[in-house]
């Protein structure tokens, strides 16, 4: 199916579910089943059975959740897929982009190794994680042909532009701001803010998940 048509169909399902969320779904949890099933089937066919868009929704369909929760989750999965399509990530990864992704992956691996060394302060891997994230966002904008304009290169500038172009969510920008804050604490020697190794490990895992979600 043509990309524009895929986006149109996904947005159609989103609109229908949003309409039902303010009416029958809240009154009758079972009413959501048909719409959410349609969303899941759409994602299974066009995003793929192994895609995060489909698997996260299917897992919840197999569980015991109310109609309103399922409806919201279906719409989140569909809108995420739309952003994925708009970013052109479904078209495959070019050799240049793959090289860039390999670079940030290597940096995250270095951070993971440092975190495993108890003699190394967590500030060191925190800086590396921040560097990997910044490079990931910078090259993403570069490959999407989005100019910084008068903005200074920074995590906040990159995330703001990606959000303005509907490539990431508002929650993503909040997460990036939070990760950037930890990176800055580490870079400025504010050791008490980054001495919790578990917290930095959570940062590592979250950034890795973010990159896998948007990096293909």
N, C-alpha and C. Protein backbone atom coordinates (compact mmCIF):
# COMPACT_ATOMS: atom_id res chain seq x y z
N UNK A 1 0.84 -1.19 0.00
CA UNK A 1 0.00 0.00 0.00
C UNK A 1 0.88 1.25 0.00
N UNK A 2 0.46 2.27 -0.74
CA UNK A 2 1.18 3.53 -0.81
C UNK A 2 1.29 4.16 0.58
N UNK A 3 2.45 4.79 0.85
CA UNK A 3 2.70 5.36 2.17
C UNK A 3 1.62 6.37 2.58
N UNK A 4 1.27 7.25 1.68
CA UNK A 4 0.25 8.26 2.00
C UNK A 4 -1.09 7.61 2.32
N UNK A 5 -1.40 6.53 1.61
CA UNK A 5 -2.65 5.81 1.86
C UNK A 5 -2.58 5.09 3.21
N UNK A 6 -1.42 4.54 3.53
CA UNK A 6 -1.24 3.90 4.84
C UNK A 6 -1.50 4.90 5.96
N UNK A 7 -0.90 6.08 5.81
CA UNK A 7 -1.07 7.12 6.82
C UNK A 7 -2.53 7.52 6.93
N UNK A 8 -3.19 7.66 5.78
CA UNK A 8 -4.60 8.04 5.75
C UNK A 8 -5.47 7.00 6.45
N UNK A 9 -5.20 5.71 6.19
CA UNK A 9 -5.99 4.64 6.80
C UNK A 9 -5.75 4.56 8.31
N UNK A 10 -4.50 4.72 8.71
CA UNK A 10 -4.17 4.69 10.14
C UNK A 10 -4.87 5.83 10.86
N UNK A 11 -4.84 7.01 10.28
CA UNK A 11 -5.48 8.17 10.89
C UNK A 11 -7.00 8.02 10.93
N UNK A 12 -7.55 7.30 9.93
CA UNK A 12 -9.00 7.04 9.94
C UNK A 12 -9.39 6.19 11.14
N UNK A 13 -8.61 5.14 11.40
CA UNK A 13 -8.89 4.27 12.54
C UNK A 13 -8.74 5.05 13.85
N UNK A 14 -7.70 5.89 13.92
CA UNK A 14 -7.49 6.72 15.11
C UNK A 14 -8.71 7.60 15.37
N UNK A 15 -9.22 8.23 14.30
CA UNK A 15 -10.37 9.13 14.45
C UNK A 15 -11.60 8.38 14.95
N UNK A 16 -11.81 7.17 14.42
CA UNK A 16 -12.97 6.38 14.84
C UNK A 16 -12.86 6.01 16.31
N UNK A 17 -11.67 5.57 16.74
CA UNK A 17 -11.49 5.17 18.13
C UNK A 17 -11.64 6.37 19.06
N UNK A 18 -11.10 7.53 18.65
CA UNK A 18 -11.22 8.72 19.47
C UNK A 18 -12.68 9.10 19.67
N UNK A 19 -13.47 8.92 18.61
CA UNK A 19 -14.90 9.21 18.71
C UNK A 19 -15.57 8.26 19.70
N UNK A 20 -15.19 7.00 19.63
CA UNK A 20 -15.79 6.01 20.53
C UNK A 20 -15.32 6.17 21.97
N UNK A 21 -14.12 6.71 22.15
CA UNK A 21 -13.59 6.89 23.50
C UNK A 21 -14.46 7.84 24.32
N UNK A 22 -15.14 8.75 23.67
CA UNK A 22 -15.97 9.71 24.40
C UNK A 22 -17.43 9.25 24.45
N UNK A 23 -17.68 8.04 23.97
CA UNK A 23 -19.06 7.55 24.00
C UNK A 23 -19.13 6.11 24.46
N UNK A 24 -19.31 5.19 23.49
CA UNK A 24 -19.63 3.80 23.83
C UNK A 24 -18.54 3.04 24.54
N UNK A 25 -17.26 3.33 24.24
CA UNK A 25 -16.17 2.55 24.84
C UNK A 25 -16.19 2.69 26.36
N UNK A 26 -16.44 3.92 26.83
CA UNK A 26 -16.45 4.13 28.27
C UNK A 26 -17.66 3.46 28.92
N UNK A 27 -18.76 3.44 28.20
CA UNK A 27 -19.98 2.86 28.75
C UNK A 27 -19.98 1.34 28.66
N UNK A 28 -19.37 0.83 27.59
CA UNK A 28 -19.37 -0.61 27.35
C UNK A 28 -17.98 -1.05 26.91
N UNK A 29 -17.14 -1.60 27.84
CA UNK A 29 -15.77 -2.01 27.51
C UNK A 29 -15.69 -2.93 26.30
N UNK A 30 -16.71 -3.77 26.12
CA UNK A 30 -16.68 -4.72 25.01
C UNK A 30 -16.81 -4.03 23.66
N UNK A 31 -17.34 -2.80 23.68
CA UNK A 31 -17.55 -2.08 22.43
C UNK A 31 -16.24 -1.73 21.74
N UNK A 32 -15.17 -1.67 22.52
CA UNK A 32 -13.87 -1.30 21.95
C UNK A 32 -13.21 -2.44 21.20
N UNK A 33 -13.63 -3.65 21.48
CA UNK A 33 -12.92 -4.82 20.96
C UNK A 33 -12.79 -4.79 19.44
N UNK A 34 -13.87 -4.48 18.73
CA UNK A 34 -13.84 -4.47 17.27
C UNK A 34 -12.89 -3.44 16.72
N UNK A 35 -12.90 -2.22 17.28
CA UNK A 35 -12.06 -1.15 16.78
C UNK A 35 -10.59 -1.42 17.09
N UNK A 36 -10.33 -1.90 18.29
CA UNK A 36 -8.95 -2.18 18.68
C UNK A 36 -8.41 -3.37 17.89
N UNK A 37 -9.26 -4.36 17.64
CA UNK A 37 -8.86 -5.51 16.83
C UNK A 37 -8.51 -5.07 15.42
N UNK A 38 -9.28 -4.12 14.89
CA UNK A 38 -9.00 -3.60 13.56
C UNK A 38 -7.64 -2.90 13.55
N UNK A 39 -7.36 -2.14 14.60
CA UNK A 39 -6.07 -1.46 14.71
C UNK A 39 -4.93 -2.46 14.77
N UNK A 40 -5.13 -3.52 15.57
CA UNK A 40 -4.09 -4.54 15.71
C UNK A 40 -3.84 -5.26 14.39
N UNK A 41 -4.92 -5.59 13.69
CA UNK A 41 -4.77 -6.29 12.41
C UNK A 41 -4.07 -5.39 11.38
N UNK A 42 -4.41 -4.12 11.38
CA UNK A 42 -3.76 -3.16 10.48
C UNK A 42 -2.26 -3.12 10.74
N UNK A 43 -1.89 -3.07 12.02
CA UNK A 43 -0.47 -3.01 12.38
C UNK A 43 0.23 -4.34 12.10
N UNK A 44 -0.49 -5.45 12.29
CA UNK A 44 0.11 -6.75 12.01
C UNK A 44 0.49 -6.86 10.54
N UNK A 45 -0.41 -6.40 9.67
CA UNK A 45 -0.20 -6.52 8.23
C UNK A 45 0.83 -5.53 7.72
N UNK A 46 0.72 -4.27 8.14
CA UNK A 46 1.53 -3.21 7.53
C UNK A 46 2.77 -2.83 8.33
N UNK A 47 2.75 -3.04 9.65
CA UNK A 47 3.95 -2.76 10.44
C UNK A 47 4.77 -4.03 10.63
N UNK A 48 4.06 -5.18 10.66
CA UNK A 48 4.75 -6.46 10.83
C UNK A 48 4.48 -7.09 12.17
N UNK A 49 4.41 -8.42 12.18
CA UNK A 49 4.09 -9.15 13.41
C UNK A 49 5.14 -8.98 14.50
N UNK A 50 6.38 -8.67 14.10
CA UNK A 50 7.45 -8.53 15.09
C UNK A 50 7.70 -7.07 15.47
N UNK A 51 6.93 -6.17 14.87
CA UNK A 51 7.13 -4.75 15.18
C UNK A 51 6.64 -4.44 16.58
N UNK A 52 7.26 -3.44 17.20
CA UNK A 52 6.85 -3.02 18.54
C UNK A 52 5.44 -2.44 18.51
N UNK A 53 5.06 -1.82 17.39
CA UNK A 53 3.73 -1.23 17.26
C UNK A 53 2.65 -2.30 17.44
N UNK A 54 2.87 -3.46 16.82
CA UNK A 54 1.89 -4.53 16.88
C UNK A 54 1.98 -5.34 18.18
N UNK A 55 3.20 -5.74 18.55
CA UNK A 55 3.35 -6.65 19.70
C UNK A 55 2.87 -6.02 21.01
N UNK A 56 3.13 -4.71 21.20
CA UNK A 56 2.72 -4.07 22.45
C UNK A 56 1.20 -4.04 22.56
N UNK A 57 0.53 -3.83 21.43
CA UNK A 57 -0.93 -3.79 21.43
C UNK A 57 -1.51 -5.19 21.60
N UNK A 58 -0.93 -6.17 20.93
CA UNK A 58 -1.43 -7.54 21.01
C UNK A 58 -1.32 -8.09 22.43
N UNK A 59 -0.21 -7.79 23.10
CA UNK A 59 -0.03 -8.27 24.46
C UNK A 59 -1.14 -7.77 25.37
N UNK A 60 -1.55 -6.53 25.17
CA UNK A 60 -2.61 -5.96 26.00
C UNK A 60 -3.98 -6.51 25.61
N UNK A 61 -4.16 -6.81 24.34
CA UNK A 61 -5.42 -7.42 23.90
C UNK A 61 -5.60 -8.78 24.53
N UNK A 62 -4.48 -9.48 24.73
CA UNK A 62 -4.53 -10.82 25.31
C UNK A 62 -4.73 -10.78 26.82
N UNK A 63 -4.58 -9.59 27.42
CA UNK A 63 -4.74 -9.45 28.86
C UNK A 63 -6.11 -8.94 29.23
N UNK A 64 -6.25 -8.51 30.49
CA UNK A 64 -7.54 -8.02 30.98
C UNK A 64 -7.43 -6.51 31.21
N UNK A 65 -7.84 -5.75 30.20
CA UNK A 65 -7.80 -4.29 30.28
C UNK A 65 -9.16 -3.75 29.86
N UNK A 66 -9.51 -2.58 30.44
CA UNK A 66 -10.80 -2.00 30.07
C UNK A 66 -10.75 -1.37 28.68
N UNK A 67 -11.94 -1.10 28.16
CA UNK A 67 -12.05 -0.59 26.80
C UNK A 67 -11.35 0.74 26.59
N UNK A 68 -11.45 1.63 27.56
CA UNK A 68 -10.82 2.95 27.40
C UNK A 68 -9.30 2.82 27.31
N UNK A 69 -8.72 1.96 28.15
CA UNK A 69 -7.26 1.75 28.12
C UNK A 69 -6.83 1.19 26.77
N UNK A 70 -7.56 0.19 26.29
CA UNK A 70 -7.22 -0.43 25.01
C UNK A 70 -7.35 0.56 23.87
N UNK A 71 -8.39 1.38 23.91
CA UNK A 71 -8.58 2.37 22.86
C UNK A 71 -7.44 3.37 22.81
N UNK A 72 -7.02 3.85 23.97
CA UNK A 72 -5.91 4.81 24.02
C UNK A 72 -4.61 4.16 23.55
N UNK A 73 -4.39 2.91 23.96
CA UNK A 73 -3.17 2.21 23.56
C UNK A 73 -3.15 1.98 22.05
N UNK A 74 -4.30 1.62 21.49
CA UNK A 74 -4.39 1.41 20.04
C UNK A 74 -4.03 2.69 19.30
N UNK A 75 -4.55 3.81 19.78
CA UNK A 75 -4.27 5.08 19.12
C UNK A 75 -2.81 5.49 19.27
N UNK A 76 -2.21 5.21 20.42
CA UNK A 76 -0.79 5.51 20.60
C UNK A 76 0.05 4.68 19.63
N UNK A 77 -0.31 3.41 19.47
CA UNK A 77 0.43 2.54 18.56
C UNK A 77 0.28 3.00 17.11
N UNK A 78 -0.92 3.38 16.74
CA UNK A 78 -1.17 3.83 15.37
C UNK A 78 -0.48 5.17 15.08
N UNK A 79 -0.57 6.11 16.00
CA UNK A 79 0.08 7.41 15.77
C UNK A 79 1.59 7.26 15.75
N UNK A 80 2.11 6.32 16.54
CA UNK A 80 3.54 6.04 16.51
C UNK A 80 3.95 5.49 15.14
N UNK A 81 3.10 4.62 14.60
CA UNK A 81 3.37 4.05 13.27
C UNK A 81 3.32 5.14 12.19
N UNK A 82 2.39 6.08 12.34
CA UNK A 82 2.30 7.20 11.40
C UNK A 82 3.58 8.03 11.43
N UNK A 83 4.10 8.31 12.63
CA UNK A 83 5.35 9.07 12.74
C UNK A 83 6.49 8.29 12.08
N UNK A 84 6.48 6.99 12.27
CA UNK A 84 7.49 6.11 11.68
C UNK A 84 7.45 6.21 10.16
N UNK A 85 6.24 6.21 9.61
CA UNK A 85 6.08 6.31 8.15
C UNK A 85 6.52 7.68 7.65
N UNK A 86 6.12 8.72 8.36
CA UNK A 86 6.47 10.08 7.93
C UNK A 86 7.98 10.31 7.96
N UNK A 87 8.65 9.61 8.87
CA UNK A 87 10.11 9.75 8.98
C UNK A 87 10.83 8.96 7.89
N UNK A 88 10.08 8.14 7.15
CA UNK A 88 10.68 7.36 6.07
C UNK A 88 11.46 6.15 6.56
N UNK A 89 11.26 5.76 7.82
CA UNK A 89 12.04 4.66 8.39
C UNK A 89 11.63 3.31 7.79
N UNK A 90 10.41 3.24 7.23
CA UNK A 90 9.95 1.99 6.64
C UNK A 90 10.63 1.70 5.30
N UNK A 91 11.30 2.70 4.75
CA UNK A 91 11.91 2.54 3.43
C UNK A 91 13.28 1.87 3.50
N UNK A 92 13.69 1.54 4.68
CA UNK A 92 14.97 0.88 4.81
C UNK A 92 16.06 1.84 5.26
N UNK A 93 17.17 1.29 5.68
CA UNK A 93 18.28 2.08 6.20
C UNK A 93 19.39 2.16 5.16
N UNK A 94 19.79 3.36 4.82
CA UNK A 94 20.87 3.54 3.86
C UNK A 94 22.19 3.14 4.51
N UNK A 95 23.21 2.83 3.71
CA UNK A 95 24.52 2.48 4.28
C UNK A 95 25.07 3.58 5.19
N UNK A 96 24.84 4.84 4.80
CA UNK A 96 25.33 5.96 5.62
C UNK A 96 24.62 5.99 6.95
N UNK A 97 23.29 5.86 6.92
CA UNK A 97 22.53 5.88 8.17
C UNK A 97 22.89 4.68 9.04
N UNK A 98 23.10 3.53 8.44
CA UNK A 98 23.46 2.35 9.20
C UNK A 98 24.80 2.55 9.90
N UNK A 99 25.72 3.19 9.21
CA UNK A 99 27.03 3.49 9.81
C UNK A 99 26.87 4.41 11.01
N UNK A 100 25.98 5.37 10.88
CA UNK A 100 25.72 6.30 11.99
C UNK A 100 25.10 5.57 13.17
N UNK A 101 24.15 4.68 12.88
CA UNK A 101 23.50 3.91 13.94
C UNK A 101 24.50 2.97 14.62
N UNK A 102 25.40 2.41 13.84
CA UNK A 102 26.43 1.53 14.40
C UNK A 102 27.34 2.31 15.35
N UNK A 103 27.62 3.56 14.99
CA UNK A 103 28.49 4.40 15.82
C UNK A 103 27.85 4.67 17.17
N UNK A 104 26.58 5.08 17.18
CA UNK A 104 25.92 5.38 18.46
C UNK A 104 25.73 4.11 19.27
N UNK A 105 25.53 2.99 18.58
CA UNK A 105 25.40 1.71 19.28
C UNK A 105 26.71 1.34 19.97
N UNK A 106 27.83 1.59 19.30
CA UNK A 106 29.14 1.32 19.89
C UNK A 106 29.37 2.19 21.12
N UNK A 107 28.93 3.44 21.05
CA UNK A 107 29.10 4.35 22.19
C UNK A 107 28.28 3.85 23.39
N UNK A 108 27.06 3.38 23.12
CA UNK A 108 26.24 2.84 24.20
C UNK A 108 26.87 1.58 24.79
N UNK A 109 27.48 0.77 23.96
CA UNK A 109 28.16 -0.44 24.44
C UNK A 109 29.31 -0.07 25.37
N UNK A 110 30.04 0.99 25.01
CA UNK A 110 31.13 1.47 25.86
C UNK A 110 30.58 1.93 27.21
N UNK A 111 29.44 2.63 27.17
CA UNK A 111 28.82 3.10 28.40
C UNK A 111 28.41 1.92 29.28
N UNK A 112 27.87 0.88 28.65
CA UNK A 112 27.45 -0.31 29.38
C UNK A 112 28.64 -0.99 30.06
N UNK A 113 29.75 -1.07 29.36
CA UNK A 113 30.95 -1.68 29.94
C UNK A 113 31.45 -0.88 31.13
N UNK A 114 31.40 0.45 31.02
CA UNK A 114 31.84 1.29 32.13
C UNK A 114 30.93 1.14 33.34
N UNK A 115 29.64 1.01 33.09
CA UNK A 115 28.69 0.86 34.19
C UNK A 115 28.93 -0.43 34.97
N UNK A 116 29.45 -1.42 34.29
CA UNK A 116 29.71 -2.71 34.93
C UNK A 116 30.96 -2.69 35.80
N UNK A 117 31.77 -1.63 35.63
CA UNK A 117 33.00 -1.51 36.42
C UNK A 117 32.73 -0.66 37.65
N UNK A 118 32.73 -1.29 38.80
CA UNK A 118 32.37 -0.61 40.04
C UNK A 118 33.34 0.52 40.41
N UNK A 119 34.56 0.44 39.91
CA UNK A 119 35.54 1.48 40.23
C UNK A 119 35.33 2.75 39.40
N UNK A 120 34.51 2.65 38.38
CA UNK A 120 34.25 3.80 37.50
C UNK A 120 33.00 4.53 37.99
N UNK A 121 33.11 5.84 38.18
CA UNK A 121 31.96 6.63 38.63
C UNK A 121 30.90 6.64 37.53
N UNK A 122 29.62 6.52 37.90
CA UNK A 122 28.54 6.51 36.91
C UNK A 122 28.49 7.76 36.03
N UNK A 123 29.16 8.82 36.44
CA UNK A 123 29.17 10.05 35.64
C UNK A 123 29.78 9.79 34.26
N UNK A 124 30.79 8.94 34.21
CA UNK A 124 31.47 8.67 32.94
C UNK A 124 30.54 8.05 31.91
N UNK A 125 29.83 6.96 32.25
CA UNK A 125 28.89 6.41 31.27
C UNK A 125 27.73 7.35 30.97
N UNK A 126 27.34 8.17 31.95
CA UNK A 126 26.25 9.13 31.72
C UNK A 126 26.61 10.10 30.60
N UNK A 127 27.86 10.55 30.59
CA UNK A 127 28.33 11.46 29.54
C UNK A 127 28.29 10.75 28.19
N UNK A 128 28.74 9.50 28.16
CA UNK A 128 28.74 8.74 26.91
C UNK A 128 27.32 8.50 26.38
N UNK A 129 26.41 8.19 27.28
CA UNK A 129 25.02 7.96 26.86
C UNK A 129 24.45 9.24 26.25
N UNK A 130 24.74 10.37 26.89
CA UNK A 130 24.28 11.65 26.37
C UNK A 130 24.88 11.95 25.01
N UNK A 131 26.14 11.61 24.84
CA UNK A 131 26.82 11.85 23.56
C UNK A 131 26.20 10.99 22.45
N UNK A 132 25.90 9.74 22.79
CA UNK A 132 25.28 8.84 21.81
C UNK A 132 23.91 9.35 21.40
N UNK A 133 23.14 9.80 22.38
CA UNK A 133 21.80 10.32 22.10
C UNK A 133 21.87 11.56 21.21
N UNK A 134 22.78 12.46 21.54
CA UNK A 134 22.91 13.70 20.76
C UNK A 134 23.31 13.39 19.32
N UNK A 135 24.22 12.45 19.14
CA UNK A 135 24.64 12.08 17.78
C UNK A 135 23.48 11.42 17.02
N UNK A 136 22.72 10.61 17.72
CA UNK A 136 21.57 9.95 17.10
C UNK A 136 20.57 10.98 16.59
N UNK A 137 20.24 11.97 17.42
CA UNK A 137 19.27 12.99 17.04
C UNK A 137 19.82 13.90 15.93
N UNK A 138 21.09 14.26 16.04
CA UNK A 138 21.70 15.15 15.05
C UNK A 138 21.67 14.51 13.65
N UNK A 139 22.08 13.26 13.59
CA UNK A 139 22.12 12.60 12.28
C UNK A 139 20.72 12.27 11.77
N UNK A 140 19.78 12.08 12.69
CA UNK A 140 18.38 11.86 12.29
C UNK A 140 17.87 13.10 11.54
N UNK A 141 18.11 14.27 12.12
CA UNK A 141 17.70 15.52 11.48
C UNK A 141 18.40 15.69 10.13
N UNK A 142 19.67 15.34 10.11
CA UNK A 142 20.47 15.46 8.88
C UNK A 142 19.88 14.59 7.78
N UNK A 143 19.54 13.35 8.12
CA UNK A 143 18.98 12.43 7.13
C UNK A 143 17.56 12.80 6.72
N UNK A 144 16.86 13.51 7.60
CA UNK A 144 15.50 13.94 7.28
C UNK A 144 15.49 15.31 6.60
N UNK A 145 16.70 15.84 6.34
CA UNK A 145 16.84 17.14 5.68
C UNK A 145 16.13 18.27 6.44
N UNK A 146 16.24 18.23 7.76
CA UNK A 146 15.65 19.28 8.60
C UNK A 146 16.78 20.17 9.11
N UNK A 147 16.69 21.44 8.79
CA UNK A 147 17.74 22.39 9.14
C UNK A 147 17.56 22.94 10.55
N UNK A 148 18.68 23.21 11.21
CA UNK A 148 18.65 23.82 12.53
C UNK A 148 18.23 25.29 12.47
N UNK A 149 18.45 25.90 11.32
CA UNK A 149 18.15 27.32 11.21
C UNK A 149 19.06 28.13 12.10
N UNK A 150 18.47 28.97 12.95
CA UNK A 150 19.25 29.80 13.87
C UNK A 150 19.47 29.15 15.22
N UNK A 151 18.99 27.93 15.37
CA UNK A 151 19.14 27.24 16.65
C UNK A 151 20.56 26.73 16.84
N UNK A 152 21.00 26.73 18.08
CA UNK A 152 22.32 26.18 18.40
C UNK A 152 22.21 24.67 18.53
N UNK A 153 23.24 23.94 18.10
CA UNK A 153 23.21 22.47 18.23
C UNK A 153 23.11 22.05 19.70
N UNK A 154 22.09 21.31 20.03
CA UNK A 154 21.91 20.83 21.41
C UNK A 154 20.82 19.77 21.41
N UNK A 155 20.75 19.01 22.49
CA UNK A 155 19.70 18.01 22.61
C UNK A 155 18.32 18.66 22.56
N UNK A 156 18.16 19.78 23.25
CA UNK A 156 16.87 20.46 23.28
C UNK A 156 16.47 20.95 21.89
N UNK A 157 17.43 21.51 21.16
CA UNK A 157 17.13 22.00 19.81
C UNK A 157 16.73 20.86 18.89
N UNK A 158 17.49 19.76 18.97
CA UNK A 158 17.20 18.61 18.13
C UNK A 158 15.81 18.04 18.42
N UNK A 159 15.51 17.85 19.70
CA UNK A 159 14.21 17.26 20.06
C UNK A 159 13.07 18.20 19.71
N UNK A 160 13.28 19.50 19.86
CA UNK A 160 12.24 20.46 19.51
C UNK A 160 11.91 20.40 18.02
N UNK A 161 12.93 20.32 17.19
CA UNK A 161 12.72 20.24 15.75
C UNK A 161 12.04 18.94 15.35
N UNK A 162 12.43 17.85 15.97
CA UNK A 162 11.81 16.56 15.67
C UNK A 162 10.34 16.57 16.07
N UNK A 163 10.04 17.19 17.20
CA UNK A 163 8.65 17.30 17.65
C UNK A 163 7.85 18.20 16.71
N UNK A 164 8.44 19.32 16.28
CA UNK A 164 7.76 20.25 15.37
C UNK A 164 7.43 19.58 14.04
N UNK A 165 8.26 18.61 13.65
CA UNK A 165 8.03 17.88 12.40
C UNK A 165 7.25 16.60 12.62
N UNK A 166 6.69 16.47 13.82
CA UNK A 166 5.81 15.33 14.15
C UNK A 166 6.53 13.99 14.02
N UNK A 167 7.83 13.98 14.36
CA UNK A 167 8.60 12.73 14.28
C UNK A 167 8.77 12.06 15.64
N UNK A 168 8.61 12.83 16.71
CA UNK A 168 8.62 12.26 18.06
C UNK A 168 7.46 12.86 18.84
N UNK A 169 7.17 12.27 19.99
CA UNK A 169 6.03 12.72 20.79
C UNK A 169 6.45 13.74 21.84
N UNK A 170 5.45 14.35 22.45
CA UNK A 170 5.71 15.29 23.54
C UNK A 170 6.41 14.58 24.69
N UNK A 171 6.00 13.33 24.95
CA UNK A 171 6.64 12.56 26.01
C UNK A 171 8.10 12.29 25.68
N UNK A 172 8.38 12.04 24.41
CA UNK A 172 9.77 11.83 23.99
C UNK A 172 10.62 13.06 24.32
N UNK A 173 10.08 14.26 24.06
CA UNK A 173 10.85 15.47 24.34
C UNK A 173 11.13 15.62 25.83
N UNK A 174 10.15 15.21 26.64
CA UNK A 174 10.35 15.26 28.10
C UNK A 174 11.44 14.28 28.52
N UNK A 175 11.41 13.08 27.92
CA UNK A 175 12.42 12.08 28.25
C UNK A 175 13.81 12.56 27.84
N UNK A 176 13.91 13.14 26.64
CA UNK A 176 15.20 13.63 26.15
C UNK A 176 15.72 14.73 27.06
N UNK A 177 14.82 15.61 27.51
CA UNK A 177 15.22 16.69 28.42
C UNK A 177 15.76 16.11 29.73
N UNK A 178 15.10 15.06 30.21
CA UNK A 178 15.53 14.42 31.46
C UNK A 178 16.89 13.76 31.30
N UNK A 179 17.08 13.04 30.18
CA UNK A 179 18.38 12.39 29.92
C UNK A 179 19.47 13.45 29.74
N UNK A 180 19.11 14.53 29.07
CA UNK A 180 20.08 15.60 28.88
C UNK A 180 20.48 16.22 30.20
N UNK A 181 19.53 16.31 31.13
CA UNK A 181 19.84 16.86 32.45
C UNK A 181 20.86 16.02 33.18
N UNK A 182 20.71 14.70 33.11
CA UNK A 182 21.67 13.80 33.75
C UNK A 182 23.05 13.93 33.10
N UNK A 183 23.05 14.03 31.77
CA UNK A 183 24.32 14.19 31.06
C UNK A 183 25.02 15.48 31.49
N UNK A 184 24.25 16.55 31.63
CA UNK A 184 24.83 17.83 32.03
C UNK A 184 25.36 17.81 33.45
N UNK A 185 24.64 17.14 34.35
CA UNK A 185 25.13 17.00 35.73
C UNK A 185 26.50 16.31 35.73
N UNK A 186 26.59 15.25 34.93
CA UNK A 186 27.84 14.50 34.86
C UNK A 186 28.96 15.35 34.24
N UNK A 187 28.63 16.05 33.16
CA UNK A 187 29.64 16.85 32.46
C UNK A 187 30.14 18.01 33.30
N UNK A 188 29.30 18.51 34.20
CA UNK A 188 29.68 19.66 35.03
C UNK A 188 30.21 19.25 36.40
N UNK A 189 30.42 17.95 36.56
CA UNK A 189 31.02 17.48 37.81
C UNK A 189 30.10 17.52 39.01
N UNK A 190 28.78 17.51 38.77
CA UNK A 190 27.83 17.49 39.88
C UNK A 190 27.58 16.03 40.27
N UNK A 191 28.60 15.47 40.93
CA UNK A 191 28.65 14.03 41.16
C UNK A 191 27.47 13.48 41.96
N UNK A 192 26.96 14.27 42.92
CA UNK A 192 25.88 13.77 43.75
C UNK A 192 24.59 13.53 42.95
N UNK A 193 24.49 14.17 41.79
CA UNK A 193 23.30 14.00 40.97
C UNK A 193 23.36 12.76 40.09
N UNK A 194 24.55 12.19 39.95
CA UNK A 194 24.70 11.04 39.05
C UNK A 194 25.45 9.88 39.71
N UNK A 195 25.41 9.81 41.03
CA UNK A 195 26.15 8.75 41.72
C UNK A 195 25.36 7.45 41.84
N UNK A 196 24.06 7.52 41.53
CA UNK A 196 23.22 6.32 41.61
C UNK A 196 23.40 5.50 40.33
N UNK A 197 24.13 4.39 40.45
CA UNK A 197 24.43 3.56 39.28
C UNK A 197 23.16 2.99 38.64
N UNK A 198 22.17 2.64 39.46
CA UNK A 198 20.93 2.09 38.92
C UNK A 198 20.20 3.13 38.07
N UNK A 199 20.26 4.37 38.51
CA UNK A 199 19.58 5.44 37.76
C UNK A 199 20.22 5.63 36.38
N UNK A 200 21.53 5.56 36.34
CA UNK A 200 22.23 5.72 35.06
C UNK A 200 22.00 4.50 34.18
N UNK A 201 21.88 3.34 34.81
CA UNK A 201 21.58 2.13 34.03
C UNK A 201 20.18 2.23 33.41
N UNK A 202 19.24 2.79 34.16
CA UNK A 202 17.89 3.00 33.63
C UNK A 202 17.93 3.98 32.45
N UNK A 203 18.79 4.99 32.58
CA UNK A 203 18.98 5.95 31.49
C UNK A 203 19.51 5.24 30.25
N UNK A 204 20.47 4.38 30.45
CA UNK A 204 21.07 3.62 29.35
C UNK A 204 20.02 2.77 28.64
N UNK A 205 19.23 2.04 29.41
CA UNK A 205 18.23 1.16 28.82
C UNK A 205 17.14 1.97 28.11
N UNK A 206 16.74 3.08 28.69
CA UNK A 206 15.69 3.90 28.09
C UNK A 206 16.15 4.54 26.78
N UNK A 207 17.38 5.04 26.77
CA UNK A 207 17.92 5.64 25.55
C UNK A 207 18.08 4.58 24.47
N UNK A 208 18.53 3.39 24.87
CA UNK A 208 18.67 2.29 23.92
C UNK A 208 17.33 1.91 23.30
N UNK A 209 16.29 1.86 24.12
CA UNK A 209 14.94 1.54 23.63
C UNK A 209 14.45 2.62 22.68
N UNK A 210 14.69 3.88 23.04
CA UNK A 210 14.30 5.01 22.18
C UNK A 210 14.96 4.90 20.81
N UNK A 211 16.24 4.58 20.80
CA UNK A 211 16.97 4.47 19.53
C UNK A 211 16.49 3.29 18.70
N UNK A 212 16.17 2.18 19.35
CA UNK A 212 15.67 1.03 18.61
C UNK A 212 14.31 1.33 18.01
N UNK A 213 13.48 2.06 18.75
CA UNK A 213 12.15 2.39 18.28
C UNK A 213 12.18 3.27 17.04
N UNK A 214 13.10 4.25 17.05
CA UNK A 214 13.14 5.21 15.96
C UNK A 214 14.28 4.97 14.95
N UNK A 215 15.16 4.06 15.29
CA UNK A 215 16.28 3.83 14.39
C UNK A 215 16.09 2.65 13.47
N UNK A 216 15.03 1.89 13.67
CA UNK A 216 14.78 0.74 12.80
C UNK A 216 15.50 -0.48 13.29
